[in-house]
Amino acid sequence: MVTFVDIKGCGAVTKGMPYKAYHGKTGRVYNVTKRAVGVIVNKRVKGRIIAKKINLRIEHISHSKCRDDFLTESRRTKSEEGRKSSRNLCQHPKAPVNPRSAHTVKGSGIQVEEVCPIRYEFIA
C-alpha cells in the first residue's frame, strides 16, 4: 500500500531538511532507511509538473490524512453493497442538488441605492 506523507520542515533539526519549495507539499514514500525516507513529490517548473525524488529525515515529515476520507467512504460503500438488494437502489449520498425554483424578491418601502466609485480629483 502506498504511504502518503506531508513535508513540514522542523527548524530544530537542520540535517535532512527539505528545500523551501517542498515545504507543505504531500508526497509518496518510495524508500525507507534507518533515519530518513525517500519521497516522490510533484514540483511545478515553468509550465510542467515534474516528479522529484527527495530524501528527508523523519523529523521533517508527518503521516498525511489526505486519503482518510476516501478510505472511509470506500469502506462504507462496500459494506452497503453487500447488504442491499438489486431491486432496492438508494440514491448516492453525493448526488448533485437540483437548482431552486424561480422567484421574485420583493422589498416593501426599500429605496434602490445606486453605487458608483468616487471621482478622483488631483490636488496640486
Protein backbone atom coordinates (compact mmCIF):
# COMPACT_ATOMS: atom_id res chain seq x y z
CA MET A 1 0.00 0.00 0.00
CA VAL A 2 1.19 3.49 -0.82
CA THR A 3 2.01 5.75 2.14
CA PHE A 4 1.45 9.48 1.76
CA VAL A 5 3.35 11.98 3.91
CA ASP A 6 3.18 15.74 4.43
CA ILE A 7 6.50 17.57 4.24
CA LYS A 8 6.96 20.08 7.04
CA GLY A 9 10.46 21.33 7.80
CA CYS A 10 11.33 21.25 11.51
CA GLY A 11 13.81 24.00 12.42
CA ALA A 12 15.11 22.14 15.47
CA VAL A 13 16.79 19.54 13.24
CA THR A 14 18.88 21.04 10.47
CA LYS A 15 20.04 17.77 8.90
CA GLY A 16 17.95 16.36 6.09
CA MET A 17 15.77 19.46 5.78
CA PRO A 18 13.62 19.91 2.69
CA TYR A 19 14.21 22.78 0.29
CA LYS A 20 11.71 25.62 0.74
CA ALA A 21 9.82 24.69 -2.45
CA TYR A 22 8.78 21.35 -0.92
CA HIS A 23 7.51 22.70 2.42
CA GLY A 24 3.78 21.98 2.82
CA LYS A 25 3.64 19.52 -0.08
CA THR A 26 2.29 15.97 0.06
CA GLY A 27 4.37 13.13 -1.36
CA ARG A 28 4.52 9.37 -1.71
CA VAL A 29 7.13 7.28 0.13
CA TYR A 30 9.29 5.13 -2.15
CA ASN A 31 12.31 4.32 0.08
CA VAL A 32 12.84 3.89 3.82
CA THR A 33 16.24 3.91 5.54
CA LYS A 34 17.36 3.98 9.18
CA ARG A 35 16.98 7.74 9.72
CA ALA A 36 15.36 9.01 6.55
CA VAL A 37 12.75 8.33 3.90
CA GLY A 38 12.68 8.88 0.17
CA VAL A 39 9.64 10.80 -1.04
CA ILE A 40 8.30 11.41 -4.56
CA VAL A 41 6.88 14.95 -4.81
CA ASN A 42 5.33 16.78 -7.76
CA LYS A 43 7.12 20.08 -8.44
CA ARG A 44 5.89 22.73 -10.86
CA VAL A 45 8.69 24.01 -13.09
CA LYS A 46 7.57 26.74 -15.50
CA GLY A 47 4.66 25.15 -17.38
CA ARG A 48 5.11 21.49 -16.48
CA ILE A 49 4.97 19.28 -13.40
CA ILE A 50 7.96 17.05 -12.65
CA ALA A 51 8.02 14.13 -10.20
CA LYS A 52 11.06 14.75 -7.98
CA LYS A 53 12.67 12.24 -5.62
CA ILE A 54 13.93 13.80 -2.40
CA ASN A 55 15.38 12.30 0.79
CA LEU A 56 14.20 13.68 4.12
CA ARG A 57 14.80 12.84 7.74
CA ILE A 58 11.77 11.57 9.62
CA GLU A 59 11.61 14.72 11.77
CA HIS A 60 10.52 16.71 8.70
CA ILE A 61 7.56 14.54 7.65
CA SER A 62 4.23 13.54 9.14
CA HIS A 63 1.67 10.97 8.07
CA SER A 64 -0.84 12.58 5.68
CA LYS A 65 -4.59 12.45 6.23
CA CYS A 66 -5.38 13.07 2.57
CA ARG A 67 -6.67 9.52 1.99
CA ASP A 68 -8.65 9.06 5.21
CA ASP A 69 -11.91 10.43 3.77
CA PHE A 70 -11.52 8.34 0.62
CA LEU A 71 -10.83 5.14 2.56
CA THR A 72 -13.75 5.59 4.97
CA GLU A 73 -16.10 6.35 2.07
CA SER A 74 -14.94 3.28 0.13
CA ARG A 75 -15.33 1.03 3.21
CA ARG A 76 -18.83 2.40 3.78
CA THR A 77 -19.93 1.85 0.17
CA LYS A 78 -18.51 -1.70 0.14
CA SER A 79 -20.48 -2.57 3.27
CA GLU A 80 -23.65 -1.07 1.76
CA GLU A 81 -23.19 -3.01 -1.50
CA GLY A 82 -23.07 -6.28 0.40
CA ARG A 83 -26.34 -5.78 2.23
CA LYS A 84 -28.58 -4.06 -0.31
CA SER A 85 -30.59 -5.96 -2.87
CA SER A 86 -30.50 -5.30 -6.60
CA ARG A 87 -34.14 -4.05 -6.70
CA ASN A 88 -33.94 -1.61 -3.80
CA LEU A 89 -31.49 1.00 -5.07
CA CYS A 90 -30.78 4.03 -2.92
CA GLN A 91 -29.63 7.41 -4.12
CA HIS A 92 -25.90 8.12 -3.86
CA PRO A 93 -25.12 10.42 -0.91
CA LYS A 94 -23.12 12.84 -3.06
CA ALA A 95 -25.74 13.32 -5.77
CA PRO A 96 -25.97 16.89 -7.11
CA VAL A 97 -28.69 19.12 -5.68
CA ASN A 98 -31.35 20.41 -8.05
CA PRO A 99 -31.50 24.20 -8.60
CA ARG A 100 -34.07 26.21 -6.67
CA SER A 101 -37.24 27.30 -8.42
CA ALA A 102 -37.50 30.84 -9.82
CA HIS A 103 -38.89 33.56 -7.56
CA THR A 104 -39.03 37.35 -7.32
CA VAL A 105 -37.50 39.20 -4.41
CA LYS A 106 -39.86 41.92 -3.19
CA GLY A 107 -38.87 44.80 -0.96
CA SER A 108 -41.61 46.90 0.55
CA GLY A 109 -40.60 50.54 1.13
CA ILE A 110 -36.93 49.99 0.29
CA GLN A 111 -35.19 52.64 -1.81
CA VAL A 112 -32.87 51.47 -4.57
CA GLU A 113 -29.38 52.85 -3.96
CA GLU A 114 -27.03 53.29 -6.91
CA VAL A 115 -23.45 52.54 -6.02
CA CYS A 116 -20.66 54.08 -8.11
CA PRO A 117 -17.00 54.95 -7.46
CA ILE A 118 -15.98 58.41 -6.24
CA ARG A 119 -14.31 60.55 -8.91
CA TYR A 120 -10.60 61.01 -8.40
CA GLU A 121 -9.53 64.66 -8.14
CA PHE A 122 -5.89 65.60 -8.43
CA ILE A 123 -4.91 68.19 -5.82
CA ALA A 124 -1.70 70.08 -6.64
